[in-house]
């Protein structure tokens, strides 16, 4: 049967197609992580309108190929202390049916904020308590940003004359 008014390019259809693609890709990533049995996490917080979000990325290897993949945003608006963020991360993996007793975090990377990187009570300390092999590395992108900021503060204004 032919519907003359059918429009497959409507925003609803497009959003549904995007959601289907995203779910399919996320399922592939989670299956690879589950099969391999270990991975690294990379997280960063950002405010979006009135919501505090934590972006969650994973890094893992399949054979000799290393992959870094974005998994999703986690709403951490209810609280941004280390315990709440750690719980939100673990709850996310639980919701995705990843058995975190079998699959292990072996590395972690965050910005330099004490809530994330604190060696006593930060998220990295809580992850390391659960997964002792989970080494912490300060995020290289954040380190580069800090270097550029310091450099910009120390450079005096230079007037360039055009010839």
N, C-alpha and C. Protein backbone atom coordinates (compact mmCIF):
# COMPACT_ATOMS: atom_id res chain seq x y z
N UNK A 1 0.84 -1.18 0.00
CA UNK A 1 0.00 0.00 0.00
C UNK A 1 0.89 1.24 0.00
N UNK A 2 0.55 2.22 -0.76
CA UNK A 2 1.33 3.43 -0.91
C UNK A 2 0.69 4.57 -0.12
N UNK A 3 1.50 5.21 0.76
CA UNK A 3 1.01 6.36 1.52
C UNK A 3 1.67 7.62 0.95
N UNK A 4 0.84 8.47 0.41
CA UNK A 4 1.34 9.67 -0.25
C UNK A 4 1.98 10.65 0.74
N UNK A 5 1.50 10.70 1.97
CA UNK A 5 1.98 11.67 2.94
C UNK A 5 3.10 11.13 3.84
N UNK A 6 3.63 9.96 3.56
CA UNK A 6 4.69 9.39 4.38
C UNK A 6 5.98 10.17 4.17
N UNK A 7 6.62 10.55 5.27
CA UNK A 7 7.84 11.34 5.21
C UNK A 7 8.88 10.68 6.12
N UNK A 8 9.84 10.01 5.51
CA UNK A 8 10.87 9.31 6.30
C UNK A 8 12.02 10.23 6.70
N UNK A 9 11.92 11.49 6.36
CA UNK A 9 12.98 12.41 6.76
C UNK A 9 12.53 13.33 7.90
N UNK A 10 11.45 12.98 8.56
CA UNK A 10 10.99 13.79 9.69
C UNK A 10 12.00 13.66 10.84
N UNK A 11 12.00 14.62 11.73
CA UNK A 11 12.94 14.62 12.83
C UNK A 11 12.72 13.41 13.74
N UNK A 12 11.50 12.96 13.87
CA UNK A 12 11.23 11.78 14.72
C UNK A 12 11.88 10.52 14.14
N UNK A 13 11.71 10.33 12.84
CA UNK A 13 12.30 9.18 12.17
C UNK A 13 13.83 9.27 12.23
N UNK A 14 14.37 10.45 11.96
CA UNK A 14 15.82 10.63 12.00
C UNK A 14 16.37 10.34 13.39
N UNK A 15 15.70 10.83 14.43
CA UNK A 15 16.15 10.56 15.80
C UNK A 15 16.07 9.07 16.14
N UNK A 16 15.03 8.41 15.65
CA UNK A 16 14.90 6.98 15.89
C UNK A 16 16.02 6.20 15.19
N UNK A 17 16.34 6.59 13.96
CA UNK A 17 17.44 5.94 13.23
C UNK A 17 18.78 6.17 13.94
N UNK A 18 19.01 7.38 14.44
CA UNK A 18 20.24 7.69 15.17
C UNK A 18 20.31 6.84 16.44
N UNK A 19 19.20 6.72 17.17
CA UNK A 19 19.17 5.90 18.39
C UNK A 19 19.46 4.43 18.09
N UNK A 20 18.91 3.92 16.99
CA UNK A 20 19.15 2.53 16.59
C UNK A 20 20.62 2.32 16.28
N UNK A 21 21.22 3.23 15.52
CA UNK A 21 22.64 3.13 15.19
C UNK A 21 23.51 3.21 16.44
N UNK A 22 23.20 4.16 17.33
CA UNK A 22 23.98 4.32 18.56
C UNK A 22 23.90 3.07 19.43
N UNK A 23 22.71 2.50 19.55
CA UNK A 23 22.55 1.28 20.35
C UNK A 23 23.34 0.12 19.76
N UNK A 24 23.32 0.02 18.45
CA UNK A 24 24.06 -1.06 17.78
C UNK A 24 25.56 -0.92 17.99
N UNK A 25 26.07 0.29 17.84
CA UNK A 25 27.50 0.53 18.03
C UNK A 25 27.90 0.28 19.48
N UNK A 26 27.08 0.78 20.42
CA UNK A 26 27.38 0.58 21.84
C UNK A 26 27.40 -0.90 22.19
N UNK A 27 26.48 -1.66 21.62
CA UNK A 27 26.43 -3.10 21.87
C UNK A 27 27.71 -3.79 21.37
N UNK A 28 28.21 -3.39 20.23
CA UNK A 28 29.46 -3.95 19.70
C UNK A 28 30.62 -3.65 20.65
N UNK A 29 30.71 -2.41 21.09
CA UNK A 29 31.79 -2.01 22.01
C UNK A 29 31.71 -2.80 23.31
N UNK A 30 30.52 -2.89 23.89
CA UNK A 30 30.36 -3.60 25.16
C UNK A 30 30.64 -5.09 25.00
N UNK A 31 30.28 -5.68 23.88
CA UNK A 31 30.59 -7.08 23.62
C UNK A 31 32.10 -7.30 23.52
N UNK A 32 32.79 -6.37 22.85
CA UNK A 32 34.25 -6.48 22.75
C UNK A 32 34.89 -6.38 24.13
N UNK A 33 34.43 -5.45 24.95
CA UNK A 33 34.98 -5.30 26.31
C UNK A 33 34.73 -6.57 27.12
N UNK A 34 33.54 -7.10 27.04
CA UNK A 34 33.20 -8.31 27.79
C UNK A 34 34.06 -9.50 27.34
N UNK A 35 34.30 -9.60 26.04
CA UNK A 35 35.10 -10.69 25.50
C UNK A 35 36.55 -10.58 25.94
N UNK A 36 37.10 -9.37 25.90
CA UNK A 36 38.50 -9.15 26.25
C UNK A 36 38.72 -9.31 27.75
N UNK A 37 37.82 -8.77 28.55
CA UNK A 37 37.89 -8.93 30.00
C UNK A 37 38.56 -7.81 30.76
N UNK A 38 39.09 -6.80 30.06
CA UNK A 38 39.68 -5.66 30.75
C UNK A 38 39.67 -4.45 29.82
N UNK A 39 39.70 -3.26 30.42
CA UNK A 39 39.66 -2.02 29.66
C UNK A 39 40.07 -0.86 30.54
N UNK A 40 40.28 0.29 29.94
CA UNK A 40 40.59 1.52 30.66
C UNK A 40 39.40 2.46 30.55
N UNK A 41 39.22 3.32 31.55
CA UNK A 41 38.16 4.32 31.48
C UNK A 41 38.77 5.71 31.45
N UNK A 42 38.08 6.60 30.75
CA UNK A 42 38.44 8.01 30.69
C UNK A 42 37.15 8.79 30.90
N UNK A 43 37.15 9.67 31.88
CA UNK A 43 35.93 10.42 32.21
C UNK A 43 36.25 11.91 32.34
N UNK A 44 35.24 12.71 32.06
CA UNK A 44 35.33 14.15 32.27
C UNK A 44 33.93 14.68 32.52
N UNK A 45 33.83 15.65 33.42
CA UNK A 45 32.55 16.25 33.74
C UNK A 45 32.33 17.51 32.92
N UNK A 46 31.07 17.78 32.63
CA UNK A 46 30.70 19.01 31.92
C UNK A 46 29.27 19.39 32.29
N UNK A 47 29.04 20.68 32.36
CA UNK A 47 27.68 21.16 32.63
C UNK A 47 26.99 21.39 31.30
N UNK A 48 25.78 20.87 31.20
CA UNK A 48 24.97 21.06 30.00
C UNK A 48 23.63 21.63 30.45
N UNK A 49 23.44 22.90 30.20
CA UNK A 49 22.26 23.62 30.63
C UNK A 49 22.16 23.52 32.14
N UNK A 50 21.20 22.80 32.69
CA UNK A 50 21.06 22.68 34.15
C UNK A 50 21.49 21.31 34.66
N UNK A 51 22.13 20.54 33.78
CA UNK A 51 22.47 19.16 34.12
C UNK A 51 23.99 18.98 34.13
N UNK A 52 24.49 18.31 35.15
CA UNK A 52 25.91 17.98 35.21
C UNK A 52 26.07 16.59 34.61
N UNK A 53 26.91 16.49 33.59
CA UNK A 53 27.08 15.22 32.89
C UNK A 53 28.52 14.75 32.98
N UNK A 54 28.69 13.44 33.01
CA UNK A 54 30.00 12.82 33.00
C UNK A 54 30.12 12.06 31.69
N UNK A 55 31.09 12.44 30.85
CA UNK A 55 31.29 11.69 29.62
C UNK A 55 32.16 10.49 29.96
N UNK A 56 31.80 9.35 29.43
CA UNK A 56 32.51 8.11 29.72
C UNK A 56 33.05 7.52 28.42
N UNK A 57 34.36 7.36 28.37
CA UNK A 57 35.02 6.73 27.23
C UNK A 57 35.79 5.52 27.74
N UNK A 58 35.99 4.57 26.86
CA UNK A 58 36.76 3.38 27.21
C UNK A 58 37.90 3.22 26.21
N UNK A 59 38.94 2.57 26.65
CA UNK A 59 40.09 2.25 25.80
C UNK A 59 40.37 0.78 25.99
N UNK A 60 40.50 0.07 24.88
CA UNK A 60 40.73 -1.37 24.94
C UNK A 60 41.44 -1.81 23.68
N UNK A 61 41.98 -3.00 23.71
CA UNK A 61 42.71 -3.53 22.56
C UNK A 61 42.04 -4.81 22.08
N UNK A 62 41.92 -4.93 20.77
CA UNK A 62 41.46 -6.16 20.13
C UNK A 62 42.63 -6.61 19.27
N UNK A 63 43.27 -7.68 19.67
CA UNK A 63 44.49 -8.08 18.99
C UNK A 63 45.54 -7.01 19.20
N UNK A 64 46.12 -6.50 18.14
CA UNK A 64 47.12 -5.44 18.24
C UNK A 64 46.52 -4.06 17.95
N UNK A 65 45.22 -3.99 17.79
CA UNK A 65 44.55 -2.72 17.51
C UNK A 65 43.98 -2.12 18.79
N UNK A 66 44.31 -0.86 19.05
CA UNK A 66 43.83 -0.16 20.23
C UNK A 66 42.69 0.76 19.81
N UNK A 67 41.61 0.71 20.61
CA UNK A 67 40.43 1.52 20.32
C UNK A 67 40.10 2.41 21.51
N UNK A 68 39.73 3.65 21.22
CA UNK A 68 39.17 4.55 22.22
C UNK A 68 37.77 4.87 21.75
N UNK A 69 36.79 4.59 22.59
CA UNK A 69 35.39 4.75 22.18
C UNK A 69 34.59 5.50 23.25
N UNK A 70 33.76 6.40 22.79
CA UNK A 70 32.81 7.10 23.66
C UNK A 70 31.63 6.17 23.90
N UNK A 71 31.28 5.98 25.17
CA UNK A 71 30.13 5.13 25.49
C UNK A 71 28.87 5.93 25.75
N UNK A 72 29.00 7.06 26.42
CA UNK A 72 27.80 7.83 26.69
C UNK A 72 28.01 8.87 27.77
N UNK A 73 26.93 9.58 28.03
CA UNK A 73 26.92 10.56 29.11
C UNK A 73 26.18 9.97 30.30
N UNK A 74 26.70 10.25 31.47
CA UNK A 74 26.05 9.81 32.71
C UNK A 74 25.59 11.06 33.45
N UNK A 75 24.34 11.10 33.83
CA UNK A 75 23.81 12.24 34.58
C UNK A 75 24.30 12.14 36.03
N UNK A 76 25.11 13.12 36.44
CA UNK A 76 25.60 13.16 37.82
C UNK A 76 25.12 14.44 38.50
N UNK A 77 23.95 14.92 38.09
CA UNK A 77 23.39 16.15 38.65
C UNK A 77 23.05 16.00 40.14
N UNK A 78 22.75 14.79 40.56
CA UNK A 78 22.35 14.58 41.96
C UNK A 78 23.51 14.76 42.92
N UNK A 79 24.73 14.71 42.43
CA UNK A 79 25.89 14.92 43.30
C UNK A 79 27.18 14.70 42.56
N UNK A 80 28.17 15.51 42.88
CA UNK A 80 29.45 15.41 42.19
C UNK A 80 30.60 15.08 43.12
N UNK A 81 30.32 14.42 44.25
CA UNK A 81 31.45 13.99 45.07
C UNK A 81 31.96 12.66 44.54
N UNK A 82 33.12 12.26 44.99
CA UNK A 82 33.80 11.07 44.44
C UNK A 82 32.96 9.80 44.59
N UNK A 83 32.31 9.64 45.73
CA UNK A 83 31.51 8.45 45.96
C UNK A 83 30.34 8.39 44.99
N UNK A 84 29.67 9.50 44.77
CA UNK A 84 28.53 9.54 43.86
C UNK A 84 28.96 9.32 42.41
N UNK A 85 30.08 9.90 42.02
CA UNK A 85 30.56 9.72 40.64
C UNK A 85 30.99 8.28 40.43
N UNK A 86 31.74 7.71 41.38
CA UNK A 86 32.16 6.31 41.28
C UNK A 86 30.94 5.39 41.18
N UNK A 87 29.95 5.63 42.02
CA UNK A 87 28.72 4.83 41.99
C UNK A 87 28.00 4.96 40.65
N UNK A 88 27.97 6.16 40.11
CA UNK A 88 27.31 6.40 38.82
C UNK A 88 28.02 5.63 37.70
N UNK A 89 29.35 5.60 37.73
CA UNK A 89 30.11 4.86 36.71
C UNK A 89 29.82 3.37 36.82
N UNK A 90 29.89 2.84 38.03
CA UNK A 90 29.64 1.40 38.22
C UNK A 90 28.20 1.04 37.88
N UNK A 91 27.27 1.92 38.22
CA UNK A 91 25.86 1.69 37.90
C UNK A 91 25.66 1.68 36.38
N UNK A 92 26.37 2.54 35.67
CA UNK A 92 26.27 2.59 34.21
C UNK A 92 26.66 1.24 33.61
N UNK A 93 27.79 0.69 34.05
CA UNK A 93 28.22 -0.61 33.52
C UNK A 93 27.24 -1.72 33.91
N UNK A 94 26.68 -1.62 35.10
CA UNK A 94 25.67 -2.59 35.54
C UNK A 94 24.44 -2.52 34.64
N UNK A 95 24.01 -1.30 34.31
CA UNK A 95 22.85 -1.12 33.41
C UNK A 95 23.13 -1.69 32.02
N UNK A 96 24.39 -1.67 31.61
CA UNK A 96 24.77 -2.18 30.29
C UNK A 96 25.05 -3.68 30.31
N UNK A 97 24.76 -4.32 31.44
CA UNK A 97 24.95 -5.77 31.62
C UNK A 97 26.41 -6.20 31.50
N UNK A 98 27.32 -5.36 31.98
CA UNK A 98 28.74 -5.71 32.06
C UNK A 98 28.99 -6.22 33.47
N UNK A 99 29.43 -7.44 33.59
CA UNK A 99 29.72 -8.03 34.90
C UNK A 99 31.08 -7.53 35.35
N UNK A 100 31.10 -6.54 36.23
CA UNK A 100 32.35 -5.91 36.65
C UNK A 100 33.15 -6.77 37.62
N UNK A 101 32.64 -7.94 37.97
CA UNK A 101 33.43 -8.88 38.76
C UNK A 101 34.29 -9.74 37.85
N UNK A 102 33.90 -9.84 36.59
CA UNK A 102 34.65 -10.62 35.61
C UNK A 102 35.48 -9.69 34.72
N UNK A 103 34.90 -8.57 34.32
CA UNK A 103 35.57 -7.58 33.48
C UNK A 103 36.22 -6.56 34.40
N UNK A 104 37.51 -6.28 34.17
CA UNK A 104 38.26 -5.42 35.10
C UNK A 104 38.73 -4.13 34.44
N UNK A 105 38.76 -3.08 35.26
CA UNK A 105 39.34 -1.81 34.85
C UNK A 105 40.83 -1.89 35.16
N UNK A 106 41.68 -1.66 34.16
CA UNK A 106 43.12 -1.77 34.36
C UNK A 106 43.83 -0.41 34.28
N UNK A 107 43.13 0.61 33.84
CA UNK A 107 43.71 1.95 33.79
C UNK A 107 42.58 2.97 33.85
N UNK A 108 42.93 4.18 34.28
CA UNK A 108 41.93 5.24 34.40
C UNK A 108 42.59 6.58 34.16
N UNK A 109 41.83 7.51 33.58
CA UNK A 109 42.36 8.82 33.26
C UNK A 109 41.27 9.87 33.46
N UNK A 110 41.63 10.90 34.21
CA UNK A 110 40.69 12.00 34.50
C UNK A 110 41.46 13.31 34.45
N UNK A 111 40.72 14.41 34.67
CA UNK A 111 41.39 15.69 34.79
C UNK A 111 42.04 15.77 36.17
N UNK A 112 42.63 16.90 36.50
CA UNK A 112 43.37 17.03 37.75
C UNK A 112 42.53 17.42 38.95
N UNK A 113 41.22 17.56 38.79
CA UNK A 113 40.36 17.94 39.92
C UNK A 113 40.48 16.89 41.02
N UNK A 114 40.55 17.34 42.26
CA UNK A 114 40.77 16.41 43.37
C UNK A 114 39.64 15.40 43.52
N UNK A 115 38.41 15.78 43.15
CA UNK A 115 37.30 14.83 43.25
C UNK A 115 37.53 13.64 42.31
N UNK A 116 38.20 13.86 41.21
CA UNK A 116 38.46 12.79 40.25
C UNK A 116 39.80 12.11 40.52
N UNK A 117 40.85 12.89 40.70
CA UNK A 117 42.20 12.33 40.75
C UNK A 117 42.78 12.19 42.15
N UNK A 118 42.04 12.60 43.18
CA UNK A 118 42.55 12.52 44.54
C UNK A 118 43.00 11.11 44.90
N UNK A 119 44.24 10.98 45.42
CA UNK A 119 44.79 9.66 45.70
C UNK A 119 44.26 9.04 47.00
N UNK A 120 43.57 9.82 47.82
CA UNK A 120 43.00 9.27 49.06
C UNK A 120 41.50 9.02 48.94
N UNK A 121 40.77 10.03 48.45
CA UNK A 121 39.31 9.92 48.40
C UNK A 121 38.71 10.25 47.04
N UNK A 122 39.52 10.38 46.01
CA UNK A 122 39.01 10.69 44.68
C UNK A 122 38.44 9.46 44.00
N UNK A 123 37.85 9.68 42.85
CA UNK A 123 37.29 8.58 42.06
C UNK A 123 38.38 7.56 41.75
N UNK A 124 39.58 8.05 41.40
CA UNK A 124 40.66 7.13 41.05
C UNK A 124 41.03 6.24 42.22
N UNK A 125 40.98 6.75 43.45
CA UNK A 125 41.28 5.93 44.63
C UNK A 125 40.20 4.88 44.84
N UNK A 126 38.96 5.24 44.59
CA UNK A 126 37.85 4.28 44.76
C UNK A 126 37.92 3.18 43.69
N UNK A 127 38.25 3.56 42.46
CA UNK A 127 38.41 2.56 41.41
C UNK A 127 39.58 1.64 41.74
N UNK A 128 40.69 2.24 42.20
CA UNK A 128 41.87 1.45 42.50
C UNK A 128 41.66 0.51 43.69
N UNK A 129 40.81 0.90 44.61
CA UNK A 129 40.49 0.02 45.74
C UNK A 129 39.77 -1.23 45.24
N UNK A 130 38.86 -1.05 44.29
CA UNK A 130 38.10 -2.17 43.71
C UNK A 130 38.95 -2.96 42.71
N UNK A 131 39.78 -2.23 41.95
CA UNK A 131 40.62 -2.85 40.91
C UNK A 131 42.06 -2.39 41.12
N UNK A 132 42.83 -3.11 41.95
CA UNK A 132 44.19 -2.68 42.32
C UNK A 132 45.13 -2.47 41.12
N UNK A 133 44.88 -3.11 40.00
CA UNK A 133 45.74 -2.95 38.83
C UNK A 133 45.41 -1.69 38.03
N UNK A 134 44.36 -0.97 38.41
CA UNK A 134 43.89 0.20 37.65
C UNK A 134 44.78 1.41 37.89
N UNK A 135 45.84 1.52 37.10
CA UNK A 135 46.76 2.66 37.26
C UNK A 135 46.06 3.95 36.83
N UNK A 136 46.46 5.05 37.48
CA UNK A 136 45.88 6.35 37.16
C UNK A 136 46.88 7.18 36.38
N UNK A 137 46.41 7.82 35.31
CA UNK A 137 47.22 8.74 34.52
C UNK A 137 46.41 10.02 34.34
N UNK A 138 47.06 11.14 34.61
CA UNK A 138 46.39 12.42 34.38
C UNK A 138 46.14 12.54 32.88
N UNK A 139 44.94 12.94 32.50
CA UNK A 139 44.55 13.03 31.10
C UNK A 139 45.51 13.93 30.32
N UNK A 140 46.07 13.40 29.25
CA UNK A 140 47.05 14.14 28.45
C UNK A 140 46.44 15.40 27.82
N UNK A 141 45.17 15.33 27.43
CA UNK A 141 44.52 16.52 26.85
C UNK A 141 44.42 17.63 27.89
N UNK A 142 44.12 17.27 29.13
CA UNK A 142 44.05 18.27 30.19
C UNK A 142 45.45 18.81 30.52
N UNK A 143 46.45 17.94 30.50
CA UNK A 143 47.82 18.41 30.75
C UNK A 143 48.24 19.41 29.68
N UNK A 144 47.96 19.11 28.42
CA UNK A 144 48.30 20.02 27.34
C UNK A 144 47.58 21.35 27.51
N UNK A 145 46.32 21.30 27.89
CA UNK A 145 45.54 22.53 28.11
C UNK A 145 46.18 23.37 29.22
N UNK A 146 46.61 22.73 30.31
CA UNK A 146 47.25 23.45 31.41
C UNK A 146 48.56 24.10 30.95
N UNK A 147 49.34 23.39 30.14
CA UNK A 147 50.59 23.94 29.62
C UNK A 147 50.31 25.16 28.75
N UNK A 148 49.33 25.06 27.86
CA UNK A 148 48.99 26.19 26.98
C UNK A 148 48.50 27.38 27.80
N UNK A 149 47.68 27.13 28.82
CA UNK A 149 47.20 28.23 29.67
C UNK A 149 48.36 28.92 30.38
N UNK A 150 49.28 28.14 30.96
CA UNK A 150 50.44 28.72 31.64
C UNK A 150 51.31 29.50 30.67
N UNK A 151 51.50 28.96 29.48
CA UNK A 151 52.30 29.62 28.47
C UNK A 151 51.68 30.95 28.08
N UNK A 152 50.37 30.96 27.88
CA UNK A 152 49.68 32.19 27.49
C UNK A 152 49.77 33.26 28.58
N UNK A 153 49.77 32.84 29.83
CA UNK A 153 49.88 33.80 30.93
C UNK A 153 51.27 34.44 31.00
N UNK A 154 52.29 33.69 30.58
CA UNK A 154 53.66 34.19 30.71
C UNK A 154 54.16 34.95 29.49
N UNK A 155 53.45 34.88 28.38
CA UNK A 155 53.88 35.58 27.16
C UNK A 155 53.45 37.04 27.23
N UNK A 156 54.41 37.91 26.99
CA UNK A 156 54.11 39.34 26.95
C UNK A 156 53.53 39.67 25.59
N UNK A 157 52.72 40.71 25.55
CA UNK A 157 52.11 41.12 24.29
C UNK A 157 53.20 41.62 23.35
N UNK A 158 53.19 41.14 22.14
CA UNK A 158 54.17 41.52 21.13
C UNK A 158 53.44 42.24 20.01
N UNK A 159 53.94 43.36 19.64
CA UNK A 159 53.34 44.10 18.52
C UNK A 159 54.07 43.71 17.24
N UNK A 160 53.38 43.14 16.30
CA UNK A 160 53.96 42.80 15.02
C UNK A 160 53.67 43.92 14.04
N UNK A 161 54.70 44.38 13.38
CA UNK A 161 54.52 45.42 12.37
C UNK A 161 54.46 44.77 11.02
N UNK A 162 53.46 45.12 10.26
CA UNK A 162 53.34 44.59 8.89
C UNK A 162 54.23 45.38 7.96
N UNK A 163 54.84 44.68 7.04
CA UNK A 163 55.72 45.35 6.07
C UNK A 163 54.93 45.81 4.88
